Full PDB file with SEQRES, HELIX, SHEET, SSBOND, CRYST1, ORIGX, SCALE, CONECT and MASTER records, all heavy atoms in Angstrom:
SEQRES   1 A   46  SER GLY LEU CYS ALA GLU ARG THR ALA LEU PHE SER ALA          
SEQRES   2 A   46  GLY ALA GLN HIS PRO GLY LYS ALA VAL GLU MET LEU ALA          
SEQRES   3 A   46  VAL VAL GLY ARG ASP ALA GLU GLY ARG LEU VAL GLU ALA          
SEQRES   4 A   46  SER PRO CYS GLY ALA CYS ARG                                  
HELIX    1 AA1 ALA A    5  GLN A   16  1                                  12    
SHEET    1 AA1 2 GLY A  29  ARG A  30  0                                        
SHEET    2 AA1 2 LEU A  36  VAL A  37 -1                                        
CRYST1    1.000    1.000    1.000  90.00  90.00  90.00 P 1           1          
ORIGX1      1.000000  0.000000  0.000000        0.00000                         
ORIGX2      0.000000  1.000000  0.000000        0.00000                         
ORIGX3      0.000000  0.000000  1.000000        0.00000                         
SCALE1      1.000000  0.000000  0.000000        0.00000                         
SCALE2      0.000000  1.000000  0.000000        0.00000                         
SCALE3      0.000000  0.000000  1.000000        0.00000                         
ATOM      1  N   SER A   1       0.766  -1.214   0.034  1.00  0.00           N  
ATOM      2  CA  SER A   1       0.049   0.010   0.006  1.00  0.00           C  
ATOM      3  C   SER A   1       0.809   1.270   0.040  1.00  0.00           C  
ATOM      4  O   SER A   1       0.288   2.348  -0.221  1.00  0.00           O  
ATOM      5  CB  SER A   1      -0.913   0.042   1.210  1.00  0.00           C  
ATOM      6  OG  SER A   1      -1.829  -1.049   1.126  1.00  0.00           O  
ATOM      7  N   GLY A   2       2.121   1.149   0.241  1.00  0.00           N  
ATOM      8  CA  GLY A   2       2.952   2.368   0.184  1.00  0.00           C  
ATOM      9  C   GLY A   2       3.229   2.865  -1.211  1.00  0.00           C  
ATOM     10  O   GLY A   2       2.575   2.272  -2.152  1.00  0.00           O  
ATOM     11  N   LEU A   3       4.070   3.820  -1.368  1.00  0.00           N  
ATOM     12  CA  LEU A   3       4.290   4.323  -2.692  1.00  0.00           C  
ATOM     13  C   LEU A   3       5.743   4.789  -2.776  1.00  0.00           C  
ATOM     14  O   LEU A   3       6.312   5.325  -1.878  1.00  0.00           O  
ATOM     15  CB  LEU A   3       3.382   5.572  -3.004  1.00  0.00           C  
ATOM     16  CG  LEU A   3       3.226   5.970  -4.401  1.00  0.00           C  
ATOM     17  CD1 LEU A   3       2.650   4.900  -5.299  1.00  0.00           C  
ATOM     18  CD2 LEU A   3       2.346   7.158  -4.512  1.00  0.00           C  
ATOM     19  N   CYS A   4       6.337   4.552  -3.974  1.00  0.00           N  
ATOM     20  CA  CYS A   4       7.721   4.928  -4.231  1.00  0.00           C  
ATOM     21  C   CYS A   4       7.880   6.398  -4.403  1.00  0.00           C  
ATOM     22  O   CYS A   4       6.932   7.165  -4.731  1.00  0.00           O  
ATOM     23  CB  CYS A   4       8.175   4.199  -5.555  1.00  0.00           C  
ATOM     24  SG  CYS A   4       8.179   2.459  -5.557  1.00  0.00           S  
ATOM     25  N   ALA A   5       9.121   6.874  -4.190  1.00  0.00           N  
ATOM     26  CA  ALA A   5       9.377   8.320  -4.244  1.00  0.00           C  
ATOM     27  C   ALA A   5       9.143   8.853  -5.602  1.00  0.00           C  
ATOM     28  O   ALA A   5       8.611  10.016  -5.711  1.00  0.00           O  
ATOM     29  CB  ALA A   5      10.842   8.532  -3.834  1.00  0.00           C  
ATOM     30  N   GLU A   6       9.420   8.128  -6.650  1.00  0.00           N  
ATOM     31  CA  GLU A   6       9.307   8.648  -8.025  1.00  0.00           C  
ATOM     32  C   GLU A   6       7.828   8.866  -8.343  1.00  0.00           C  
ATOM     33  O   GLU A   6       7.448   9.927  -8.886  1.00  0.00           O  
ATOM     34  CB  GLU A   6       9.880   7.709  -9.063  1.00  0.00           C  
ATOM     35  CG  GLU A   6      11.302   7.374  -8.880  1.00  0.00           C  
ATOM     36  CD  GLU A   6      11.700   6.238  -7.974  1.00  0.00           C  
ATOM     37  OE1 GLU A   6      11.004   6.052  -6.902  1.00  0.00           O  
ATOM     38  OE2 GLU A   6      12.515   5.441  -8.278  1.00  0.00           O  
ATOM     39  N   ARG A   7       6.964   7.917  -7.960  1.00  0.00           N  
ATOM     40  CA  ARG A   7       5.515   8.102  -8.247  1.00  0.00           C  
ATOM     41  C   ARG A   7       4.930   9.153  -7.389  1.00  0.00           C  
ATOM     42  O   ARG A   7       4.027   9.902  -7.768  1.00  0.00           O  
ATOM     43  CB  ARG A   7       4.787   6.792  -8.085  1.00  0.00           C  
ATOM     44  CG  ARG A   7       5.015   5.899  -9.342  1.00  0.00           C  
ATOM     45  CD  ARG A   7       4.308   4.609  -9.251  1.00  0.00           C  
ATOM     46  NE  ARG A   7       5.097   3.671  -8.335  1.00  0.00           N  
ATOM     47  CZ  ARG A   7       4.571   2.660  -7.734  1.00  0.00           C  
ATOM     48  NH1 ARG A   7       3.307   2.370  -7.903  1.00  0.00           N  
ATOM     49  NH2 ARG A   7       5.318   1.915  -6.959  1.00  0.00           N  
ATOM     50  N   THR A   8       5.429   9.319  -6.140  1.00  0.00           N  
ATOM     51  CA  THR A   8       5.007  10.369  -5.206  1.00  0.00           C  
ATOM     52  C   THR A   8       5.208  11.685  -5.894  1.00  0.00           C  
ATOM     53  O   THR A   8       4.314  12.606  -5.904  1.00  0.00           O  
ATOM     54  CB  THR A   8       5.616  10.297  -3.857  1.00  0.00           C  
ATOM     55  OG1 THR A   8       5.336   8.996  -3.284  1.00  0.00           O  
ATOM     56  CG2 THR A   8       5.098  11.348  -2.942  1.00  0.00           C  
ATOM     57  N   ALA A   9       6.437  11.885  -6.430  1.00  0.00           N  
ATOM     58  CA  ALA A   9       6.792  13.171  -7.014  1.00  0.00           C  
ATOM     59  C   ALA A   9       5.954  13.428  -8.328  1.00  0.00           C  
ATOM     60  O   ALA A   9       5.481  14.481  -8.503  1.00  0.00           O  
ATOM     61  CB  ALA A   9       8.274  13.217  -7.347  1.00  0.00           C  
ATOM     62  N   LEU A  10       5.865  12.400  -9.110  1.00  0.00           N  
ATOM     63  CA  LEU A  10       5.085  12.559 -10.384  1.00  0.00           C  
ATOM     64  C   LEU A  10       3.591  12.800 -10.163  1.00  0.00           C  
ATOM     65  O   LEU A  10       3.059  13.715 -10.764  1.00  0.00           O  
ATOM     66  CB  LEU A  10       5.243  11.258 -11.269  1.00  0.00           C  
ATOM     67  CG  LEU A  10       6.596  11.089 -11.898  1.00  0.00           C  
ATOM     68  CD1 LEU A  10       6.748   9.689 -12.444  1.00  0.00           C  
ATOM     69  CD2 LEU A  10       6.743  12.104 -13.050  1.00  0.00           C  
ATOM     70  N   PHE A  11       3.020  12.122  -9.239  1.00  0.00           N  
ATOM     71  CA  PHE A  11       1.553  12.248  -8.999  1.00  0.00           C  
ATOM     72  C   PHE A  11       1.306  13.572  -8.282  1.00  0.00           C  
ATOM     73  O   PHE A  11       0.295  14.206  -8.564  1.00  0.00           O  
ATOM     74  CB  PHE A  11       1.046  11.118  -8.212  1.00  0.00           C  
ATOM     75  CG  PHE A  11       1.060   9.747  -8.901  1.00  0.00           C  
ATOM     76  CD1 PHE A  11       1.027   8.579  -8.174  1.00  0.00           C  
ATOM     77  CD2 PHE A  11       1.120   9.711 -10.310  1.00  0.00           C  
ATOM     78  CE1 PHE A  11       1.058   7.315  -8.871  1.00  0.00           C  
ATOM     79  CE2 PHE A  11       1.137   8.486 -10.956  1.00  0.00           C  
ATOM     80  CZ  PHE A  11       1.152   7.329 -10.233  1.00  0.00           C  
ATOM     81  N   SER A  12       2.162  14.002  -7.477  1.00  0.00           N  
ATOM     82  CA  SER A  12       2.076  15.355  -6.809  1.00  0.00           C  
ATOM     83  C   SER A  12       2.197  16.429  -7.910  1.00  0.00           C  
ATOM     84  O   SER A  12       1.377  17.352  -7.877  1.00  0.00           O  
ATOM     85  CB  SER A  12       3.152  15.506  -5.754  1.00  0.00           C  
ATOM     86  OG  SER A  12       3.080  16.732  -5.118  1.00  0.00           O  
ATOM     87  N   ALA A  13       3.105  16.288  -8.788  1.00  0.00           N  
ATOM     88  CA  ALA A  13       3.269  17.268  -9.903  1.00  0.00           C  
ATOM     89  C   ALA A  13       2.030  17.290 -10.725  1.00  0.00           C  
ATOM     90  O   ALA A  13       1.562  18.379 -11.118  1.00  0.00           O  
ATOM     91  CB  ALA A  13       4.512  16.888 -10.739  1.00  0.00           C  
ATOM     92  N   GLY A  14       1.447  16.092 -11.054  1.00  0.00           N  
ATOM     93  CA  GLY A  14       0.242  16.045 -11.849  1.00  0.00           C  
ATOM     94  C   GLY A  14      -0.920  16.738 -11.212  1.00  0.00           C  
ATOM     95  O   GLY A  14      -1.767  17.377 -11.795  1.00  0.00           O  
ATOM     96  N   ALA A  15      -1.012  16.523  -9.876  1.00  0.00           N  
ATOM     97  CA  ALA A  15      -2.129  17.123  -9.066  1.00  0.00           C  
ATOM     98  C   ALA A  15      -1.992  18.610  -8.854  1.00  0.00           C  
ATOM     99  O   ALA A  15      -2.980  19.405  -8.942  1.00  0.00           O  
ATOM    100  CB  ALA A  15      -2.248  16.429  -7.722  1.00  0.00           C  
ATOM    101  N   GLN A  16      -0.773  19.083  -8.664  1.00  0.00           N  
ATOM    102  CA  GLN A  16      -0.514  20.491  -8.291  1.00  0.00           C  
ATOM    103  C   GLN A  16      -0.189  21.299  -9.535  1.00  0.00           C  
ATOM    104  O   GLN A  16      -0.405  22.553  -9.484  1.00  0.00           O  
ATOM    105  CB  GLN A  16       0.649  20.585  -7.332  1.00  0.00           C  
ATOM    106  CG  GLN A  16       0.438  19.993  -5.991  1.00  0.00           C  
ATOM    107  CD  GLN A  16       1.635  20.042  -5.051  1.00  0.00           C  
ATOM    108  OE1 GLN A  16       2.193  21.179  -4.989  1.00  0.00           O  
ATOM    109  NE2 GLN A  16       1.917  19.002  -4.421  1.00  0.00           N  
ATOM    110  N   HIS A  17       0.275  20.715 -10.604  1.00  0.00           N  
ATOM    111  CA  HIS A  17       0.704  21.451 -11.821  1.00  0.00           C  
ATOM    112  C   HIS A  17       0.178  20.783 -13.046  1.00  0.00           C  
ATOM    113  O   HIS A  17       0.969  20.286 -13.967  1.00  0.00           O  
ATOM    114  CB  HIS A  17       2.222  21.622 -11.867  1.00  0.00           C  
ATOM    115  CG  HIS A  17       2.816  22.198 -10.602  1.00  0.00           C  
ATOM    116  ND1 HIS A  17       2.892  23.562 -10.383  1.00  0.00           N  
ATOM    117  CD2 HIS A  17       3.340  21.570  -9.531  1.00  0.00           C  
ATOM    118  CE1 HIS A  17       3.441  23.744  -9.199  1.00  0.00           C  
ATOM    119  NE2 HIS A  17       3.729  22.615  -8.657  1.00  0.00           N  
ATOM    120  N   PRO A  18      -1.163  20.639 -13.212  1.00  0.00           N  
ATOM    121  CA  PRO A  18      -1.668  19.898 -14.369  1.00  0.00           C  
ATOM    122  C   PRO A  18      -1.214  20.561 -15.667  1.00  0.00           C  
ATOM    123  O   PRO A  18      -1.087  21.761 -15.776  1.00  0.00           O  
ATOM    124  CB  PRO A  18      -3.150  19.989 -14.165  1.00  0.00           C  
ATOM    125  CG  PRO A  18      -3.404  21.167 -13.245  1.00  0.00           C  
ATOM    126  CD  PRO A  18      -2.165  21.257 -12.399  1.00  0.00           C  
ATOM    127  N   GLY A  19      -0.984  19.657 -16.612  1.00  0.00           N  
ATOM    128  CA  GLY A  19      -0.608  20.124 -17.984  1.00  0.00           C  
ATOM    129  C   GLY A  19       0.828  20.396 -18.159  1.00  0.00           C  
ATOM    130  O   GLY A  19       1.206  20.840 -19.243  1.00  0.00           O  
ATOM    131  N   LYS A  20       1.640  20.203 -17.217  1.00  0.00           N  
ATOM    132  CA  LYS A  20       3.052  20.495 -17.289  1.00  0.00           C  
ATOM    133  C   LYS A  20       3.883  19.200 -17.560  1.00  0.00           C  
ATOM    134  O   LYS A  20       3.732  18.238 -16.825  1.00  0.00           O  
ATOM    135  CB  LYS A  20       3.692  21.113 -15.972  1.00  0.00           C  
ATOM    136  CG  LYS A  20       2.899  22.358 -15.619  1.00  0.00           C  
ATOM    137  CD  LYS A  20       3.297  23.514 -16.526  1.00  0.00           C  
ATOM    138  CE  LYS A  20       2.628  24.786 -15.970  1.00  0.00           C  
ATOM    139  NZ  LYS A  20       2.543  25.823 -16.939  1.00  0.00           N  
ATOM    140  N   ALA A  21       4.683  19.206 -18.552  1.00  0.00           N  
ATOM    141  CA  ALA A  21       5.518  18.031 -18.864  1.00  0.00           C  
ATOM    142  C   ALA A  21       6.662  17.965 -17.848  1.00  0.00           C  
ATOM    143  O   ALA A  21       7.092  18.906 -17.315  1.00  0.00           O  
ATOM    144  CB  ALA A  21       6.094  18.177 -20.312  1.00  0.00           C  
ATOM    145  N   VAL A  22       7.115  16.659 -17.559  1.00  0.00           N  
ATOM    146  CA  VAL A  22       8.287  16.478 -16.755  1.00  0.00           C  
ATOM    147  C   VAL A  22       9.502  16.477 -17.692  1.00  0.00           C  
ATOM    148  O   VAL A  22       9.585  15.636 -18.598  1.00  0.00           O  
ATOM    149  CB  VAL A  22       8.149  15.166 -15.980  1.00  0.00           C  
ATOM    150  CG1 VAL A  22       9.436  14.845 -15.323  1.00  0.00           C  
ATOM    151  CG2 VAL A  22       7.032  15.251 -14.998  1.00  0.00           C  
ATOM    152  N   GLU A  23      10.428  17.344 -17.469  1.00  0.00           N  
ATOM    153  CA  GLU A  23      11.663  17.391 -18.183  1.00  0.00           C  
ATOM    154  C   GLU A  23      12.736  16.469 -17.630  1.00  0.00           C  
ATOM    155  O   GLU A  23      13.558  15.978 -18.322  1.00  0.00           O  
ATOM    156  CB  GLU A  23      12.242  18.803 -18.244  1.00  0.00           C  
ATOM    157  CG  GLU A  23      11.383  19.808 -18.996  1.00  0.00           C  
ATOM    158  CD  GLU A  23      11.967  21.176 -19.028  1.00  0.00           C  
ATOM    159  OE1 GLU A  23      12.772  21.550 -18.183  1.00  0.00           O  
ATOM    160  OE2 GLU A  23      11.532  21.948 -19.882  1.00  0.00           O  
ATOM    161  N   MET A  24      12.726  16.350 -16.279  1.00  0.00           N  
ATOM    162  CA  MET A  24      13.788  15.641 -15.539  1.00  0.00           C  
ATOM    163  C   MET A  24      13.294  15.046 -14.299  1.00  0.00           C  
ATOM    164  O   MET A  24      12.422  15.590 -13.629  1.00  0.00           O  
ATOM    165  CB  MET A  24      14.887  16.685 -15.252  1.00  0.00           C  
ATOM    166  CG  MET A  24      16.144  16.158 -14.728  1.00  0.00           C  
ATOM    167  SD  MET A  24      17.383  17.457 -14.500  1.00  0.00           S  
ATOM    168  CE  MET A  24      17.397  18.130 -16.097  1.00  0.00           C  
ATOM    169  N   LEU A  25      13.778  13.813 -13.974  1.00  0.00           N  
ATOM    170  CA  LEU A  25      13.506  13.186 -12.698  1.00  0.00           C  
ATOM    171  C   LEU A  25      14.743  12.708 -12.073  1.00  0.00           C  
ATOM    172  O   LEU A  25      15.644  12.040 -12.747  1.00  0.00           O  
ATOM    173  CB  LEU A  25      12.572  12.005 -12.922  1.00  0.00           C  
ATOM    174  CG  LEU A  25      12.142  11.204 -11.717  1.00  0.00           C  
ATOM    175  CD1 LEU A  25      10.733  10.740 -11.838  1.00  0.00           C  
ATOM    176  CD2 LEU A  25      13.062   9.999 -11.413  1.00  0.00           C  
ATOM    177  N   ALA A  26      15.019  12.985 -10.815  1.00  0.00           N  
ATOM    178  CA  ALA A  26      16.157  12.500 -10.073  1.00  0.00           C  
ATOM    179  C   ALA A  26      15.702  11.570  -8.966  1.00  0.00           C  
ATOM    180  O   ALA A  26      14.646  11.789  -8.321  1.00  0.00           O  
ATOM    181  CB  ALA A  26      16.950  13.702  -9.537  1.00  0.00           C  
ATOM    182  N   VAL A  27      16.521  10.559  -8.677  1.00  0.00           N  
ATOM    183  CA  VAL A  27      16.165   9.673  -7.585  1.00  0.00           C  
ATOM    184  C   VAL A  27      17.515   9.281  -6.841  1.00  0.00           C  
ATOM    185  O   VAL A  27      18.575   9.096  -7.467  1.00  0.00           O  
ATOM    186  CB  VAL A  27      15.468   8.403  -8.129  1.00  0.00           C  
ATOM    187  CG1 VAL A  27      16.295   7.606  -9.066  1.00  0.00           C  
ATOM    188  CG2 VAL A  27      14.995   7.479  -6.944  1.00  0.00           C  
ATOM    189  N   VAL A  28      17.367   9.193  -5.533  1.00  0.00           N  
ATOM    190  CA  VAL A  28      18.515   8.862  -4.693  1.00  0.00           C  
ATOM    191  C   VAL A  28      18.073   8.079  -3.408  1.00  0.00           C  
ATOM    192  O   VAL A  28      16.922   8.285  -3.030  1.00  0.00           O  
ATOM    193  CB  VAL A  28      19.311  10.131  -4.251  1.00  0.00           C  
ATOM    194  CG1 VAL A  28      18.407  11.070  -3.514  1.00  0.00           C  
ATOM    195  CG2 VAL A  28      20.477   9.848  -3.470  1.00  0.00           C  
ATOM    196  N   GLY A  29      18.864   7.245  -2.925  1.00  0.00           N  
ATOM    197  CA  GLY A  29      18.534   6.439  -1.722  1.00  0.00           C  
ATOM    198  C   GLY A  29      19.392   6.830  -0.567  1.00  0.00           C  
ATOM    199  O   GLY A  29      20.455   7.402  -0.722  1.00  0.00           O  
ATOM    200  N   ARG A  30      18.918   6.589   0.649  1.00  0.00           N  
ATOM    201  CA  ARG A  30      19.632   6.753   1.918  1.00  0.00           C  
ATOM    202  C   ARG A  30      19.458   5.572   2.736  1.00  0.00           C  
ATOM    203  O   ARG A  30      18.292   5.191   3.021  1.00  0.00           O  
ATOM    204  CB  ARG A  30      19.220   8.067   2.598  1.00  0.00           C  
ATOM    205  CG  ARG A  30      20.098   8.472   3.785  1.00  0.00           C  
ATOM    206  CD  ARG A  30      19.595   9.825   4.452  1.00  0.00           C  
ATOM    207  NE  ARG A  30      19.713  10.947   3.551  1.00  0.00           N  
ATOM    208  CZ  ARG A  30      20.786  11.696   3.402  1.00  0.00           C  
ATOM    209  NH1 ARG A  30      21.885  11.388   3.965  1.00  0.00           N  
ATOM    210  NH2 ARG A  30      20.714  12.777   2.643  1.00  0.00           N  
ATOM    211  N   ASP A  31      20.562   4.929   3.157  1.00  0.00           N  
ATOM    212  CA  ASP A  31      20.433   3.721   3.954  1.00  0.00           C  
ATOM    213  C   ASP A  31      20.166   3.968   5.435  1.00  0.00           C  
ATOM    214  O   ASP A  31      20.092   5.126   5.830  1.00  0.00           O  
ATOM    215  CB  ASP A  31      21.696   2.801   3.725  1.00  0.00           C  
ATOM    216  CG  ASP A  31      22.946   3.347   4.352  1.00  0.00           C  
ATOM    217  OD1 ASP A  31      22.937   4.327   5.143  1.00  0.00           O  
ATOM    218  OD2 ASP A  31      24.016   2.878   3.939  1.00  0.00           O  
ATOM    219  N   ALA A  32      20.060   2.912   6.212  1.00  0.00           N  
ATOM    220  CA  ALA A  32      19.694   3.055   7.566  1.00  0.00           C  
ATOM    221  C   ALA A  32      20.767   3.779   8.436  1.00  0.00           C  
ATOM    222  O   ALA A  32      20.432   4.341   9.448  1.00  0.00           O  
ATOM    223  CB  ALA A  32      19.451   1.635   8.184  1.00  0.00           C  
ATOM    224  N   GLU A  33      22.026   3.839   7.907  1.00  0.00           N  
ATOM    225  CA  GLU A  33      23.043   4.626   8.597  1.00  0.00           C  
ATOM    226  C   GLU A  33      23.135   6.004   8.066  1.00  0.00           C  
ATOM    227  O   GLU A  33      23.996   6.790   8.522  1.00  0.00           O  
ATOM    228  CB  GLU A  33      24.370   3.877   8.369  1.00  0.00           C  
ATOM    229  CG  GLU A  33      24.560   2.600   9.114  1.00  0.00           C  
ATOM    230  CD  GLU A  33      23.826   1.418   8.496  1.00  0.00           C  
ATOM    231  OE1 GLU A  33      23.864   1.275   7.324  1.00  0.00           O  
ATOM    232  OE2 GLU A  33      23.226   0.686   9.274  1.00  0.00           O  
ATOM    233  N   GLY A  34      22.226   6.418   7.182  1.00  0.00           N  
ATOM    234  CA  GLY A  34      22.231   7.789   6.720  1.00  0.00           C  
ATOM    235  C   GLY A  34      23.080   8.101   5.545  1.00  0.00           C  
ATOM    236  O   GLY A  34      23.099   9.264   5.104  1.00  0.00           O  
ATOM    237  N   ARG A  35      23.691   7.122   4.940  1.00  0.00           N  
ATOM    238  CA  ARG A  35      24.582   7.268   3.748  1.00  0.00           C  
ATOM    239  C   ARG A  35      23.775   7.385   2.495  1.00  0.00           C  
ATOM    240  O   ARG A  35      22.809   6.548   2.319  1.00  0.00           O  
ATOM    241  CB  ARG A  35      25.586   6.177   3.681  1.00  0.00           C  
ATOM    242  CG  ARG A  35      26.641   6.093   4.795  1.00  0.00           C  
ATOM    243  CD  ARG A  35      27.465   4.894   4.604  1.00  0.00           C  
ATOM    244  NE  ARG A  35      26.685   3.684   4.530  1.00  0.00           N  
ATOM    245  CZ  ARG A  35      26.897   2.609   5.329  1.00  0.00           C  
ATOM    246  NH1 ARG A  35      27.900   2.668   6.214  1.00  0.00           N  
ATOM    247  NH2 ARG A  35      26.079   1.562   5.296  1.00  0.00           N  
ATOM    248  N   LEU A  36      24.140   8.244   1.618  1.00  0.00           N  
ATOM    249  CA  LEU A  36      23.501   8.273   0.297  1.00  0.00           C  
ATOM    250  C   LEU A  36      24.013   7.043  -0.501  1.00  0.00           C  
ATOM    251  O   LEU A  36      25.170   6.723  -0.555  1.00  0.00           O  
ATOM    252  CB  LEU A  36      23.866   9.503  -0.479  1.00  0.00           C  
ATOM    253  CG  LEU A  36      23.397  10.811   0.100  1.00  0.00           C  
ATOM    254  CD1 LEU A  36      23.836  11.996  -0.740  1.00  0.00           C  
ATOM    255  CD2 LEU A  36      21.863  10.815   0.229  1.00  0.00           C  
ATOM    256  N   VAL A  37      23.003   6.322  -1.087  1.00  0.00           N  
ATOM    257  CA  VAL A  37      23.355   5.066  -1.774  1.00  0.00           C  
ATOM    258  C   VAL A  37      22.549   5.024  -3.100  1.00  0.00           C  
ATOM    259  O   VAL A  37      21.626   5.803  -3.402  1.00  0.00           O  
ATOM    260  CB  VAL A  37      22.951   3.882  -0.925  1.00  0.00           C  
ATOM    261  CG1 VAL A  37      23.868   3.784   0.327  1.00  0.00           C  
ATOM    262  CG2 VAL A  37      21.488   3.859  -0.540  1.00  0.00           C  
ATOM    263  N   GLU A  38      22.931   4.017  -3.905  1.00  0.00           N  
ATOM    264  CA  GLU A  38      22.309   3.884  -5.240  1.00  0.00           C  
ATOM    265  C   GLU A  38      20.820   3.600  -5.173  1.00  0.00           C  
ATOM    266  O   GLU A  38      20.334   2.928  -4.296  1.00  0.00           O  
ATOM    267  CB  GLU A  38      22.972   2.723  -5.926  1.00  0.00           C  
ATOM    268  CG  GLU A  38      22.502   2.559  -7.363  1.00  0.00           C  
ATOM    269  CD  GLU A  38      23.340   1.569  -8.179  1.00  0.00           C  
ATOM    270  OE1 GLU A  38      24.430   1.094  -7.656  1.00  0.00           O  
ATOM    271  OE2 GLU A  38      22.905   1.231  -9.289  1.00  0.00           O  
ATOM    272  N   ALA A  39      20.098   4.244  -6.130  1.00  0.00           N  
ATOM    273  CA  ALA A  39      18.655   3.978  -6.239  1.00  0.00           C  
ATOM    274  C   ALA A  39      18.335   4.151  -7.714  1.00  0.00           C  
ATOM    275  O   ALA A  39      18.904   4.971  -8.453  1.00  0.00           O  
ATOM    276  CB  ALA A  39      17.888   4.984  -5.435  1.00  0.00           C  
ATOM    277  N   SER A  40      17.356   3.321  -8.135  1.00  0.00           N  
ATOM    278  CA  SER A  40      16.944   3.369  -9.533  1.00  0.00           C  
ATOM    279  C   SER A  40      15.458   3.002  -9.489  1.00  0.00           C  
ATOM    280  O   SER A  40      14.966   2.235  -8.646  1.00  0.00           O  
ATOM    281  CB  SER A  40      17.735   2.330 -10.330  1.00  0.00           C  
ATOM    282  OG  SER A  40      17.312   2.359 -11.668  1.00  0.00           O  
ATOM    283  N   PRO A  41      14.655   3.604 -10.385  1.00  0.00           N  
ATOM    284  CA  PRO A  41      13.238   3.344 -10.373  1.00  0.00           C  
ATOM    285  C   PRO A  41      12.886   1.877 -10.534  1.00  0.00           C  
ATOM    286  O   PRO A  41      13.514   1.221 -11.346  1.00  0.00           O  
ATOM    287  CB  PRO A  41      12.710   4.202 -11.652  1.00  0.00           C  
ATOM    288  CG  PRO A  41      13.753   5.275 -11.803  1.00  0.00           C  
ATOM    289  CD  PRO A  41      15.044   4.621 -11.414  1.00  0.00           C  
ATOM    290  N   CYS A  42      11.869   1.478  -9.821  1.00  0.00           N  
ATOM    291  CA  CYS A  42      11.368   0.067 -10.005  1.00  0.00           C  
ATOM    292  C   CYS A  42      10.575  -0.017 -11.284  1.00  0.00           C  
ATOM    293  O   CYS A  42      10.328   0.954 -11.977  1.00  0.00           O  
ATOM    294  CB  CYS A  42      10.512  -0.339  -8.757  1.00  0.00           C  
ATOM    295  SG  CYS A  42       8.926   0.512  -8.699  1.00  0.00           S  
ATOM    296  N   GLY A  43      10.149  -1.202 -11.618  1.00  0.00           N  
ATOM    297  CA  GLY A  43       9.408  -1.454 -12.853  1.00  0.00           C  
ATOM    298  C   GLY A  43       8.093  -0.672 -12.908  1.00  0.00           C  
ATOM    299  O   GLY A  43       7.769  -0.054 -13.937  1.00  0.00           O  
ATOM    300  N   ALA A  44       7.355  -0.562 -11.802  1.00  0.00           N  
ATOM    301  CA  ALA A  44       6.120   0.193 -11.826  1.00  0.00           C  
ATOM    302  C   ALA A  44       6.338   1.647 -12.025  1.00  0.00           C  
ATOM    303  O   ALA A  44       5.625   2.276 -12.816  1.00  0.00           O  
ATOM    304  CB  ALA A  44       5.382  -0.079 -10.444  1.00  0.00           C  
ATOM    305  N   CYS A  45       7.366   2.164 -11.398  1.00  0.00           N  
ATOM    306  CA  CYS A  45       7.744   3.601 -11.572  1.00  0.00           C  
ATOM    307  C   CYS A  45       8.131   3.829 -13.026  1.00  0.00           C  
ATOM    308  O   CYS A  45       7.753   4.870 -13.639  1.00  0.00           O  
ATOM    309  CB  CYS A  45       8.799   3.993 -10.627  1.00  0.00           C  
ATOM    310  SG  CYS A  45       8.287   4.171  -8.897  1.00  0.00           S  
ATOM    311  N   ARG A  46       8.951   2.901 -13.621  1.00  0.00           N  
ATOM    312  CA  ARG A  46       9.420   3.079 -14.987  1.00  0.00           C  
ATOM    313  C   ARG A  46       8.208   3.085 -15.978  1.00  0.00           C  
ATOM    314  O   ARG A  46       8.184   3.910 -16.857  1.00  0.00           O  
ATOM    315  CB  ARG A  46      10.340   1.980 -15.392  1.00  0.00           C  
ATOM    316  CG  ARG A  46      11.649   2.044 -14.655  1.00  0.00           C  
ATOM    317  CD  ARG A  46      12.570   0.874 -14.909  1.00  0.00           C  
ATOM    318  NE  ARG A  46      13.724   0.935 -13.995  1.00  0.00           N  
ATOM    319  CZ  ARG A  46      14.873   0.504 -14.288  1.00  0.00           C  
ATOM    320  NH1 ARG A  46      15.213  -0.110 -15.456  1.00  0.00           N  
ATOM    321  NH2 ARG A  46      15.886   0.617 -13.367  1.00  0.00           N  
TER     322      ARG A  46                                                      
MASTER        0    0    0    1    2    0    0    6  321    1    0    4          
END                                                                             
């Protein structure tokens, strides 16, 4: 029932700024120790 960061950003953009194309999307992860780590969109987000 949760939602990925990419879809949260996209759906928020669609709700708040209808009719605007997305030029760029960035994604990053942070592990339990607080380090920035690799992240890539999942299949549903893609």
